[in-house]
Amino acid sequence: MTLRPGERDLAESLAANALAFLAAEPERLERFLSLAGIDPGGIRAAAASPGFLVAVMEHLMSDEPLLLAFAANEGIKPERVVKAAHALGIVPWERGFA
């Protein structure tokens, strides 16, 4: 996939907003950390890894109600979140290719 200039930066910015959205409610953050295998005390170290924002977006993409809530919170269409996830390298899942 060819990205337009600045598209990855915008996607990373949206992913950082998604992390803040998760952190705003302890239950959401705890679920993300648990599924990602991250100890709450190690979130800062994990956040420094290159794939961390991708993991945040993958988490959103795996939970439609969460994705919709985040998009509503940001005042954007859910499709924009999906496009940002794709810009970060997340490949859409297709039935029959699991």
Protein backbone atom coordinates (compact mmCIF):
# COMPACT_ATOMS: atom_id res chain seq x y z
CA MET A 1 0.00 0.00 0.00
CA THR A 2 1.32 3.41 -0.96
CA LEU A 3 0.79 6.11 1.64
CA ARG A 4 0.34 9.75 0.85
CA PRO A 5 2.74 12.16 2.59
CA GLY A 6 1.81 12.59 6.24
CA GLU A 7 -0.71 9.74 6.23
CA ARG A 8 1.34 7.55 8.57
CA ASP A 9 1.89 10.50 10.93
CA LEU A 10 -1.86 11.11 11.04
CA ALA A 11 -2.47 7.41 11.69
CA GLU A 12 0.06 7.40 14.54
CA SER A 13 -1.58 10.49 16.01
CA LEU A 14 -4.98 8.82 15.89
CA ALA A 15 -3.51 5.69 17.50
CA ALA A 16 -2.07 7.84 20.32
CA ASN A 17 -5.56 9.30 20.79
CA ALA A 18 -6.90 5.75 20.90
CA LEU A 19 -4.47 4.92 23.70
CA ALA A 20 -5.66 7.97 25.64
CA PHE A 21 -9.25 6.83 25.04
CA LEU A 22 -8.43 3.39 26.45
CA ALA A 23 -6.62 4.91 29.42
CA ALA A 24 -9.59 7.16 30.24
CA GLU A 25 -11.48 4.17 31.65
CA PRO A 26 -9.58 1.67 33.81
CA GLU A 27 -11.64 -1.30 32.57
CA ARG A 28 -10.81 -0.55 28.95
CA LEU A 29 -7.10 -0.11 29.69
CA GLU A 30 -6.95 -3.25 31.83
CA ARG A 31 -8.55 -5.31 29.07
CA PHE A 32 -6.11 -3.99 26.47
CA LEU A 33 -3.10 -4.61 28.69
CA SER A 34 -4.31 -8.10 29.57
CA LEU A 35 -4.94 -9.11 25.97
CA ALA A 36 -1.63 -7.58 24.86
CA GLY A 37 0.25 -9.33 27.66
CA ILE A 38 1.55 -6.08 29.12
CA ASP A 39 2.02 -5.62 32.84
CA PRO A 40 0.49 -2.31 34.00
CA GLY A 41 3.86 -1.30 35.43
CA GLY A 42 5.51 -1.91 32.07
CA ILE A 43 3.24 0.21 29.91
CA ARG A 44 5.81 3.00 29.49
CA ALA A 45 8.45 0.56 28.30
CA ALA A 46 5.96 -1.17 26.01
CA ALA A 47 4.82 2.17 24.57
CA ALA A 48 8.39 2.82 23.42
CA SER A 49 8.38 -0.26 21.18
CA PRO A 50 7.72 0.32 17.48
CA GLY A 51 4.69 -1.97 17.34
CA PHE A 52 2.86 -0.57 20.33
CA LEU A 53 0.56 1.83 18.45
CA VAL A 54 -0.20 -0.95 15.97
CA ALA A 55 -1.26 -3.13 18.92
CA VAL A 56 -3.55 -0.34 20.15
CA MET A 57 -5.21 -0.09 16.76
CA GLU A 58 -5.48 -3.87 16.41
CA HIS A 59 -7.23 -3.92 19.76
CA LEU A 60 -9.75 -1.33 18.56
CA MET A 61 -10.28 -3.18 15.30
CA SER A 62 -11.03 -6.42 17.14
CA ASP A 63 -13.88 -4.91 19.17
CA GLU A 64 -16.55 -3.21 17.06
CA PRO A 65 -18.42 -1.52 19.97
CA LEU A 66 -15.10 -0.14 21.22
CA LEU A 67 -14.17 1.04 17.71
CA LEU A 68 -17.53 2.78 17.36
CA ALA A 69 -17.23 4.39 20.80
CA PHE A 70 -13.75 5.68 19.99
CA ALA A 71 -14.85 7.07 16.63
CA ALA A 72 -17.80 8.82 18.29
CA ASN A 73 -15.51 10.19 20.98
CA GLU A 74 -13.20 11.60 18.28
CA GLY A 75 -16.10 12.92 16.23
CA ILE A 76 -15.00 10.94 13.16
CA LYS A 77 -16.45 8.16 11.04
CA PRO A 78 -15.38 4.63 12.00
CA GLU A 79 -14.05 4.21 8.46
CA ARG A 80 -11.38 6.82 9.22
CA VAL A 81 -10.17 4.71 12.15
CA VAL A 82 -10.04 1.66 9.88
CA LYS A 83 -8.10 3.63 7.25
CA ALA A 84 -5.60 4.74 9.92
CA ALA A 85 -5.17 1.13 11.05
CA HIS A 86 -4.46 0.10 7.46
CA ALA A 87 -1.92 2.95 7.15
CA LEU A 88 -0.09 1.45 10.13
CA GLY A 89 0.09 -1.89 8.34
CA ILE A 90 -2.88 -3.73 9.81
CA VAL A 91 -4.24 -6.01 7.11
CA PRO A 92 -8.01 -6.39 7.00
CA TRP A 93 -9.30 -9.82 7.91
CA GLU A 94 -11.26 -11.58 5.20
CA ARG A 95 -13.55 -14.53 5.69
CA GLY A 96 -12.01 -17.71 4.39
CA PHE A 97 -8.39 -16.56 4.81
CA ALA A 98 -7.94 -17.36 8.52
